[in-house]
């Protein structure tokens, strides 16, 4: 039985304890970022079955699918794909939509938008895996911020009531370098463009995407026809900042 007051010196100790108490299977929230890759490398040292779940920001992006295919081959496991609440929320909120599409989205013939929340994702993942009551791992680390360090120090590297744990809570950058090198595992191409994984259709990602992955940019435009206004918003903000400079 899980002891909420138990403390751990390392993420590996935590993984071994969760496995001992809850079995050899868990779910992994996989974002394609280095933290989720590191968490997967850590988990496979302990758990026999890892069910990775990816929640896409924009469906069908080729560079994202290439990344997912690489990790599926590397780890030998299918990555389950689900829509992110942010994507569905943006569609429901008619973000970057044309007036005509906005009328269609809110017209009488349009069915209500289904917001696929995390509980439903987990339930479906468990059903597809033939498991129930699994714990979910995420790549949260205390070195990310003072707030996270304080929270983990006070509450421990998990949320027992929600069945969530942080297998690499103690990792620093040197740990990533060591583990990635030892496993001969690569980070996605995202890190060459943005030094992080793609997580939103915003200017910081779209600028390079339009240049390097033009077909994927057009895919973003398919879902968000007025996405070019994101560039205009950035141009306006920069012009305003320059105008206010002495």
Protein backbone atom coordinates (compact mmCIF):
# COMPACT_ATOMS: atom_id res chain seq x y z
CA UNK A 1 0.00 0.00 0.00
CA UNK A 2 1.31 3.46 -0.95
CA UNK A 3 2.58 5.52 1.97
CA UNK A 4 1.97 9.23 1.13
CA UNK A 5 4.51 10.36 3.73
CA UNK A 6 7.35 8.31 2.31
CA UNK A 7 10.37 10.25 1.05
CA UNK A 8 12.84 9.33 -1.70
CA UNK A 9 16.41 10.33 -2.40
CA UNK A 10 16.26 9.62 -6.14
CA UNK A 11 13.76 9.12 -8.90
CA UNK A 12 14.94 5.56 -9.36
CA UNK A 13 14.04 4.77 -5.75
CA UNK A 14 10.60 6.25 -6.37
CA UNK A 15 10.09 4.13 -9.51
CA UNK A 16 11.04 0.95 -7.68
CA UNK A 17 8.65 1.74 -4.84
CA UNK A 18 5.70 2.49 -7.15
CA UNK A 19 6.37 -0.70 -9.09
CA UNK A 20 6.57 -2.74 -5.89
CA UNK A 21 3.28 -1.37 -4.61
CA UNK A 22 1.31 -0.94 -7.85
CA UNK A 23 2.65 -3.47 -10.36
CA UNK A 24 4.95 -3.43 -13.38
CA UNK A 25 2.84 -1.20 -15.68
CA UNK A 26 2.38 2.57 -15.82
CA UNK A 27 1.28 5.33 -18.18
CA UNK A 28 3.71 8.00 -19.37
CA UNK A 29 2.64 11.50 -20.40
CA UNK A 30 4.90 11.88 -23.44
CA UNK A 31 5.37 15.32 -25.00
CA UNK A 32 8.46 14.54 -27.14
CA UNK A 33 10.41 16.93 -24.91
CA UNK A 34 13.64 15.99 -23.17
CA UNK A 35 11.95 15.58 -19.79
CA UNK A 36 9.49 13.01 -21.11
CA UNK A 37 12.26 11.22 -23.03
CA UNK A 38 14.34 11.11 -19.86
CA UNK A 39 11.37 9.84 -17.88
CA UNK A 40 10.90 7.00 -20.40
CA UNK A 41 14.57 6.03 -20.16
CA UNK A 42 14.23 5.96 -16.37
CA UNK A 43 10.96 4.03 -16.32
CA UNK A 44 12.20 1.26 -18.58
CA UNK A 45 14.83 0.37 -15.98
CA UNK A 46 12.05 -0.66 -13.61
CA UNK A 47 8.68 -1.18 -15.33
CA UNK A 48 7.89 -4.03 -17.68
CA UNK A 49 5.05 -2.22 -19.46
CA UNK A 50 5.03 1.51 -20.23
CA UNK A 51 2.04 3.02 -22.05
CA UNK A 52 3.10 6.36 -23.59
CA UNK A 53 0.39 8.92 -24.33
CA UNK A 54 0.96 11.88 -26.65
CA UNK A 55 -1.54 14.75 -26.89
CA UNK A 56 -1.16 16.63 -30.16
CA UNK A 57 -1.41 20.42 -30.40
CA UNK A 58 -2.20 20.33 -34.14
CA UNK A 59 -3.14 17.00 -35.78
CA UNK A 60 -1.12 15.52 -38.60
CA UNK A 61 2.11 17.55 -38.42
CA UNK A 62 4.71 15.55 -40.35
CA UNK A 63 7.71 16.59 -38.24
CA UNK A 64 5.87 15.53 -35.09
CA UNK A 65 4.92 12.18 -36.62
CA UNK A 66 8.55 11.59 -37.60
CA UNK A 67 9.57 12.19 -34.01
CA UNK A 68 6.90 9.86 -32.65
CA UNK A 69 7.89 7.19 -35.17
CA UNK A 70 11.53 7.45 -34.05
CA UNK A 71 10.65 6.93 -30.38
CA UNK A 72 8.23 4.12 -31.19
CA UNK A 73 11.06 2.33 -32.98
CA UNK A 74 13.64 3.19 -30.32
CA UNK A 75 11.53 2.01 -27.39
CA UNK A 76 9.65 -0.69 -29.29
CA UNK A 77 6.27 0.59 -28.11
CA UNK A 78 3.30 2.25 -29.79
CA UNK A 79 2.66 5.83 -28.66
CA UNK A 80 -1.07 6.47 -28.21
CA UNK A 81 -2.21 9.76 -29.73
CA UNK A 82 -5.02 11.97 -28.45
CA UNK A 83 -6.07 15.59 -29.07
CA UNK A 84 -4.81 18.12 -26.57
CA UNK A 85 -7.42 20.11 -24.70
CA UNK A 86 -5.65 23.28 -25.90
CA UNK A 87 -6.27 22.31 -29.52
CA UNK A 88 -9.93 21.48 -29.01
CA UNK A 89 -10.37 24.57 -26.86
CA UNK A 90 -8.87 26.75 -29.62
CA UNK A 91 -11.27 25.28 -32.18
CA UNK A 92 -14.20 25.71 -29.81
CA UNK A 93 -13.08 29.29 -29.11
CA UNK A 94 -12.82 30.02 -32.88
CA UNK A 95 -9.18 31.06 -32.44
CA UNK A 96 -7.64 32.25 -35.74
CA UNK A 97 -10.81 31.29 -37.62
CA UNK A 98 -12.38 33.14 -40.53
CA UNK A 99 -15.86 34.62 -40.08
CA UNK A 100 -17.31 31.95 -42.36
CA UNK A 101 -15.77 29.11 -40.43
CA UNK A 102 -16.79 30.71 -37.14
CA UNK A 103 -20.42 30.65 -38.29
CA UNK A 104 -20.04 27.00 -39.27
CA UNK A 105 -18.49 26.10 -35.92
CA UNK A 106 -21.35 27.74 -34.05
CA UNK A 107 -24.08 27.00 -36.57
CA UNK A 108 -27.10 24.81 -35.77
CA UNK A 109 -25.74 21.88 -37.80
CA UNK A 110 -22.41 21.76 -35.99
CA UNK A 111 -22.23 19.16 -33.20
CA UNK A 112 -20.92 20.29 -29.82
CA UNK A 113 -17.14 20.24 -29.48
CA UNK A 114 -15.98 17.36 -27.31
CA UNK A 115 -13.27 18.41 -24.88
CA UNK A 116 -11.22 15.25 -24.37
CA UNK A 117 -9.90 15.75 -20.84
CA UNK A 118 -7.05 13.85 -19.20
CA UNK A 119 -9.30 11.51 -17.24
CA UNK A 120 -10.94 10.34 -20.45
CA UNK A 121 -7.54 9.95 -22.12
CA UNK A 122 -6.27 7.81 -19.25
CA UNK A 123 -9.43 5.73 -19.21
CA UNK A 124 -9.16 5.03 -22.91
CA UNK A 125 -5.43 4.24 -22.66
CA UNK A 126 -6.09 1.78 -19.84
CA UNK A 127 -8.92 0.17 -21.80
CA UNK A 128 -6.73 -0.25 -24.89
CA UNK A 129 -3.93 -1.72 -22.76
CA UNK A 130 -6.27 -4.01 -20.84
CA UNK A 131 -5.17 -2.49 -17.50
CA UNK A 132 -6.93 -0.50 -14.78
CA UNK A 133 -5.91 1.92 -12.05
CA UNK A 134 -2.46 2.61 -13.47
CA UNK A 135 -0.18 5.30 -12.13
CA UNK A 136 0.89 8.03 -14.57
CA UNK A 137 4.47 9.28 -14.86
CA UNK A 138 5.41 12.80 -15.96
CA UNK A 139 8.80 14.42 -16.49
CA UNK A 140 8.43 17.12 -13.85
CA UNK A 141 11.74 18.02 -12.15
CA UNK A 142 12.56 20.15 -9.14
CA UNK A 143 15.46 21.82 -10.98
CA UNK A 144 12.96 23.43 -13.40
CA UNK A 145 12.02 26.22 -10.99
CA UNK A 146 12.08 27.27 -7.36
CA UNK A 147 8.32 26.75 -7.18
CA UNK A 148 8.58 23.12 -8.28
CA UNK A 149 11.49 22.45 -5.95
CA UNK A 150 9.54 23.86 -3.02
CA UNK A 151 6.42 21.88 -3.94
CA UNK A 152 8.29 18.57 -4.31
CA UNK A 153 10.22 19.19 -1.10
CA UNK A 154 6.99 19.80 0.81
CA UNK A 155 4.71 17.20 -0.79
CA UNK A 156 7.03 14.59 -2.26
CA UNK A 157 7.64 13.62 -5.91
CA UNK A 158 4.08 12.53 -6.58
CA UNK A 159 0.39 13.29 -6.24
CA UNK A 160 -0.88 10.20 -4.51
CA UNK A 161 -4.59 11.04 -4.75
CA UNK A 162 -4.25 11.50 -8.53
CA UNK A 163 -1.88 8.54 -8.98
CA UNK A 164 0.84 10.69 -10.58
CA UNK A 165 4.58 10.39 -9.95
CA UNK A 166 7.74 12.09 -11.21
CA UNK A 167 10.40 9.47 -12.07
CA UNK A 168 13.18 12.00 -12.78
CA UNK A 169 12.30 14.61 -10.17
CA UNK A 170 15.95 14.76 -9.07
CA UNK A 171 17.58 14.97 -12.53
CA UNK A 172 19.78 17.83 -13.69
CA UNK A 173 21.13 18.56 -17.18
CA UNK A 174 24.19 16.37 -16.56
CA UNK A 175 21.87 13.43 -15.87
CA UNK A 176 20.16 13.90 -19.23
CA UNK A 177 23.48 14.05 -21.06
CA UNK A 178 24.69 10.89 -19.35
CA UNK A 179 21.51 8.88 -19.90
CA UNK A 180 20.95 9.96 -23.51
CA UNK A 181 24.55 9.18 -24.40
CA UNK A 182 24.46 5.80 -22.67
CA UNK A 183 21.21 4.85 -24.42
CA UNK A 184 22.27 6.38 -27.77
CA UNK A 185 18.94 8.17 -27.80
CA UNK A 186 18.38 11.39 -29.74
CA UNK A 187 16.30 14.43 -28.91
CA UNK A 188 13.78 15.52 -31.58
CA UNK A 189 14.61 18.02 -34.33
CA UNK A 190 12.54 20.55 -32.37
CA UNK A 191 15.57 21.25 -30.21
CA UNK A 192 17.64 22.36 -33.19
CA UNK A 193 14.98 24.91 -34.12
CA UNK A 194 13.54 26.02 -30.79
CA UNK A 195 15.68 24.41 -28.05
CA UNK A 196 12.50 22.77 -26.80
CA UNK A 197 9.61 20.66 -28.10
CA UNK A 198 6.77 22.21 -30.10
CA UNK A 199 3.88 23.05 -27.78
CA UNK A 200 1.69 25.73 -29.39
CA UNK A 201 0.91 27.46 -32.72
CA UNK A 202 2.58 30.69 -31.61
CA UNK A 203 5.09 32.98 -33.30
CA UNK A 204 8.12 31.52 -31.54
CA UNK A 205 7.38 28.18 -33.24
CA UNK A 206 5.63 29.33 -36.42
CA UNK A 207 8.44 31.52 -37.75
CA UNK A 208 10.90 28.64 -38.14
CA UNK A 209 8.15 26.20 -39.10
CA UNK A 210 7.12 28.35 -42.06
CA UNK A 211 10.72 28.35 -43.28
CA UNK A 212 11.83 24.79 -42.47
CA UNK A 213 8.56 22.82 -42.58
CA UNK A 214 6.34 24.75 -45.03
CA UNK A 215 3.95 21.82 -45.53
CA UNK A 216 3.41 21.58 -41.78
CA UNK A 217 2.84 25.31 -41.64
CA UNK A 218 0.11 24.86 -44.23
CA UNK A 219 -1.34 22.13 -42.04
CA UNK A 220 -1.52 24.61 -39.18
CA UNK A 221 -3.18 27.08 -41.54
CA UNK A 222 -5.77 24.43 -42.48
CA UNK A 223 -6.94 24.27 -38.87
CA UNK A 224 -6.36 27.96 -38.14
CA UNK A 225 -6.95 29.88 -41.42
CA UNK A 226 -6.04 33.27 -39.93
CA UNK A 227 -2.81 32.10 -38.30
CA UNK A 228 -0.90 34.78 -40.26
CA UNK A 229 -2.36 37.29 -37.81
CA UNK A 230 0.05 35.83 -35.25
CA UNK A 231 2.88 37.32 -37.32
CA UNK A 232 1.04 40.64 -37.57
CA UNK A 233 0.55 40.65 -33.81
CA UNK A 234 4.30 40.17 -33.34
CA UNK A 235 5.14 42.89 -35.86
CA UNK A 236 2.76 45.28 -34.10
CA UNK A 237 4.26 44.52 -30.70
CA UNK A 238 7.82 45.08 -31.97
CA UNK A 239 6.86 48.34 -33.70
CA UNK A 240 5.18 49.56 -30.53
CA UNK A 241 8.25 48.66 -28.46
CA UNK A 242 10.57 50.50 -30.86
CA UNK A 243 8.31 53.55 -30.83
CA UNK A 244 8.48 53.72 -27.05
CA UNK A 245 12.26 53.55 -26.94
CA UNK A 246 13.98 56.88 -26.09
